[in-house]
Amino acid sequence: DQAQKSILSLCKNLSDAEIQNHVVPLVLRMAGGDWFTSRVSAVNIIPSIYSRAGPHKEKIRTKFLELCNEETPMVRRAIAAKIGQLAQNIEKDLIIQELMLSLIHI
């Protein structure tokens, strides 16, 4: 929990290029981690960095949507808490195409 707060705090001071080159790969690794705690942290970070992810938006959006199908209750709870924040940052046509469909799985 404290680590994700630190990452989010650092992101405020990073350029978009630094977010794209360093934070996005970190979050993708966290989202694919074996432990649910790393996946929960990734879910909590993704909405905050999405708008600055540039060409990596599709990758992190896809990973977020994959995590919607997660069986671990803690990850699903984090998704439910953050999906609204992501919806505010995501392109409007993708909300209907992708995000609304994933709500069914939560």
C-alpha atoms as a PDB file:
ATOM      1  CA  ASP A   1       0.000   0.000   0.000  1.00  0.00           C
ATOM      2  CA  GLN A   2       2.762   2.416   0.904  1.00  0.00           C
ATOM      3  CA  ALA A   3       4.764   1.396  -2.164  1.00  0.00           C
ATOM      4  CA  GLN A   4       1.912   2.238  -4.533  1.00  0.00           C
ATOM      5  CA  LYS A   5       1.449   5.601  -2.794  1.00  0.00           C
ATOM      6  CA  SER A   6       5.145   6.276  -3.325  1.00  0.00           C
ATOM      7  CA  ILE A   7       4.910   5.333  -7.006  1.00  0.00           C
ATOM      8  CA  LEU A   8       1.896   7.605  -7.479  1.00  0.00           C
ATOM      9  CA  SER A   9       3.711  10.417  -5.706  1.00  0.00           C
ATOM     10  CA  LEU A  10       6.749   9.978  -7.965  1.00  0.00           C
ATOM     11  CA  CYS A  11       4.555   9.941 -11.070  1.00  0.00           C
ATOM     12  CA  LYS A  12       3.433  13.488 -10.330  1.00  0.00           C
ATOM     13  CA  ASN A  13       7.019  14.646 -10.878  1.00  0.00           C
ATOM     14  CA  LEU A  14       7.855  12.475 -13.884  1.00  0.00           C
ATOM     15  CA  SER A  15       7.496  13.467 -17.513  1.00  0.00           C
ATOM     16  CA  ASP A  16       5.161  11.541 -19.810  1.00  0.00           C
ATOM     17  CA  ALA A  17       8.175   9.903 -21.462  1.00  0.00           C
ATOM     18  CA  GLU A  18       9.467   8.693 -18.087  1.00  0.00           C
ATOM     19  CA  ILE A  19       6.018   7.324 -17.250  1.00  0.00           C
ATOM     20  CA  GLN A  20       5.939   5.492 -20.582  1.00  0.00           C
ATOM     21  CA  ASN A  21       9.492   4.146 -20.358  1.00  0.00           C
ATOM     22  CA  HIS A  22       9.689   3.228 -16.687  1.00  0.00           C
ATOM     23  CA  VAL A  23       6.363   3.205 -14.852  1.00  0.00           C
ATOM     24  CA  VAL A  24       4.228   1.449 -17.482  1.00  0.00           C
ATOM     25  CA  PRO A  25       6.597  -1.559 -17.726  1.00  0.00           C
ATOM     26  CA  LEU A  26       6.743  -1.683 -13.918  1.00  0.00           C
ATOM     27  CA  VAL A  27       2.954  -1.699 -13.623  1.00  0.00           C
ATOM     28  CA  LEU A  28       2.624  -4.368 -16.312  1.00  0.00           C
ATOM     29  CA  ARG A  29       5.094  -6.566 -14.425  1.00  0.00           C
ATOM     30  CA  MET A  30       3.160  -5.977 -11.212  1.00  0.00           C
ATOM     31  CA  ALA A  31      -0.134  -6.857 -12.936  1.00  0.00           C
ATOM     32  CA  GLY A  32       1.335 -10.166 -14.081  1.00  0.00           C
ATOM     33  CA  GLY A  33       2.790 -11.039 -10.696  1.00  0.00           C
ATOM     34  CA  ASP A  34       2.132 -14.278  -8.861  1.00  0.00           C
ATOM     35  CA  TRP A  35       1.028 -12.596  -5.634  1.00  0.00           C
ATOM     36  CA  PHE A  36      -2.358 -10.891  -5.493  1.00  0.00           C
ATOM     37  CA  THR A  37      -0.833  -7.934  -3.656  1.00  0.00           C
ATOM     38  CA  SER A  38       1.178  -6.882  -6.706  1.00  0.00           C
ATOM     39  CA  ARG A  39      -1.904  -7.204  -8.919  1.00  0.00           C
ATOM     40  CA  VAL A  40      -3.963  -5.084  -6.494  1.00  0.00           C
ATOM     41  CA  SER A  41      -1.243  -2.426  -6.518  1.00  0.00           C
ATOM     42  CA  ALA A  42      -1.201  -2.423 -10.319  1.00  0.00           C
ATOM     43  CA  VAL A  43      -4.980  -1.982 -10.408  1.00  0.00           C
ATOM     44  CA  ASN A  44      -4.670   0.998  -8.066  1.00  0.00           C
ATOM     45  CA  ILE A  45      -1.952   2.653 -10.168  1.00  0.00           C
ATOM     46  CA  ILE A  46      -3.325   2.095 -13.694  1.00  0.00           C
ATOM     47  CA  PRO A  47      -6.124   4.712 -13.603  1.00  0.00           C
ATOM     48  CA  SER A  48      -3.676   7.392 -12.454  1.00  0.00           C
ATOM     49  CA  ILE A  49      -1.152   6.798 -15.232  1.00  0.00           C
ATOM     50  CA  TYR A  50      -3.510   5.879 -18.080  1.00  0.00           C
ATOM     51  CA  SER A  51      -3.842   9.376 -19.532  1.00  0.00           C
ATOM     52  CA  ARG A  52      -0.049   9.761 -19.620  1.00  0.00           C
ATOM     53  CA  ALA A  53       0.740   6.303 -21.004  1.00  0.00           C
ATOM     54  CA  GLY A  54       0.853   7.431 -24.645  1.00  0.00           C
ATOM     55  CA  PRO A  55       1.282   4.494 -27.029  1.00  0.00           C
ATOM     56  CA  HIS A  56       1.043   2.056 -24.099  1.00  0.00           C
ATOM     57  CA  LYS A  57      -2.584   2.896 -23.298  1.00  0.00           C
ATOM     58  CA  GLU A  58      -3.867  -0.196 -25.060  1.00  0.00           C
ATOM     59  CA  LYS A  59      -1.449  -2.466 -23.176  1.00  0.00           C
ATOM     60  CA  ILE A  60      -2.401  -1.206 -19.740  1.00  0.00           C
ATOM     61  CA  ARG A  61      -6.113  -1.051 -20.604  1.00  0.00           C
ATOM     62  CA  THR A  62      -5.950  -4.669 -21.793  1.00  0.00           C
ATOM     63  CA  LYS A  63      -4.139  -5.721 -18.630  1.00  0.00           C
ATOM     64  CA  PHE A  64      -6.756  -3.930 -16.496  1.00  0.00           C
ATOM     65  CA  LEU A  65      -9.520  -5.724 -18.392  1.00  0.00           C
ATOM     66  CA  GLU A  66      -7.734  -9.063 -17.949  1.00  0.00           C
ATOM     67  CA  LEU A  67      -7.645  -8.429 -14.222  1.00  0.00           C
ATOM     68  CA  CYS A  68     -11.436  -7.968 -14.294  1.00  0.00           C
ATOM     69  CA  ASN A  69     -11.627 -11.730 -14.854  1.00  0.00           C
ATOM     70  CA  GLU A  70      -9.385 -12.429 -11.878  1.00  0.00           C
ATOM     71  CA  GLU A  71     -10.748 -14.952  -9.402  1.00  0.00           C
ATOM     72  CA  THR A  72      -9.013 -13.468  -6.370  1.00  0.00           C
ATOM     73  CA  PRO A  73     -11.589 -11.429  -4.391  1.00  0.00           C
ATOM     74  CA  MET A  74      -9.058  -8.786  -3.329  1.00  0.00           C
ATOM     75  CA  VAL A  75      -8.155  -8.034  -6.958  1.00  0.00           C
ATOM     76  CA  ARG A  76     -11.814  -7.892  -7.963  1.00  0.00           C
ATOM     77  CA  ARG A  77     -12.521  -5.534  -5.075  1.00  0.00           C
ATOM     78  CA  ALA A  78      -9.710  -3.240  -6.227  1.00  0.00           C
ATOM     79  CA  ILE A  79     -11.081  -3.349  -9.810  1.00  0.00           C
ATOM     80  CA  ALA A  80     -14.549  -2.417  -8.579  1.00  0.00           C
ATOM     81  CA  ALA A  81     -13.096   0.507  -6.620  1.00  0.00           C
ATOM     82  CA  LYS A  82     -10.978   1.850  -9.505  1.00  0.00           C
ATOM     83  CA  ILE A  83     -13.033   1.141 -12.620  1.00  0.00           C
ATOM     84  CA  GLY A  84     -14.861   4.460 -12.292  1.00  0.00           C
ATOM     85  CA  GLN A  85     -11.608   6.394 -12.108  1.00  0.00           C
ATOM     86  CA  LEU A  86     -10.347   4.619 -15.220  1.00  0.00           C
ATOM     87  CA  ALA A  87     -13.657   5.324 -16.994  1.00  0.00           C
ATOM     88  CA  GLN A  88     -13.074   9.054 -16.455  1.00  0.00           C
ATOM     89  CA  ASN A  89      -9.722   8.852 -18.250  1.00  0.00           C
ATOM     90  CA  ILE A  90     -10.517   6.362 -20.997  1.00  0.00           C
ATOM     91  CA  GLU A  91     -11.693   7.273 -24.476  1.00  0.00           C
ATOM     92  CA  LYS A  92     -15.505   7.395 -24.583  1.00  0.00           C
ATOM     93  CA  ASP A  93     -15.981   4.866 -27.386  1.00  0.00           C
ATOM     94  CA  LEU A  94     -13.871   2.339 -25.466  1.00  0.00           C
ATOM     95  CA  ILE A  95     -16.026   2.678 -22.360  1.00  0.00           C
ATOM     96  CA  ILE A  96     -18.930   1.027 -24.131  1.00  0.00           C
ATOM     97  CA  GLN A  97     -16.871  -1.418 -26.202  1.00  0.00           C
ATOM     98  CA  GLU A  98     -14.585  -2.734 -23.478  1.00  0.00           C
ATOM     99  CA  LEU A  99     -15.165  -1.359 -20.004  1.00  0.00           C
ATOM    100  CA  MET A 100     -18.913  -1.924 -19.755  1.00  0.00           C
ATOM    101  CA  LEU A 101     -18.515  -5.530 -20.899  1.00  0.00           C
ATOM    102  CA  SER A 102     -15.953  -6.172 -18.196  1.00  0.00           C
ATOM    103  CA  LEU A 103     -18.387  -4.987 -15.504  1.00  0.00           C
ATOM    104  CA  ILE A 104     -20.309  -8.194 -16.045  1.00  0.00           C
ATOM    105  CA  HIS A 105     -17.339 -10.212 -14.754  1.00  0.00           C
ATOM    106  CA  ILE A 106     -16.945  -8.198 -11.585  1.00  0.00           C
END
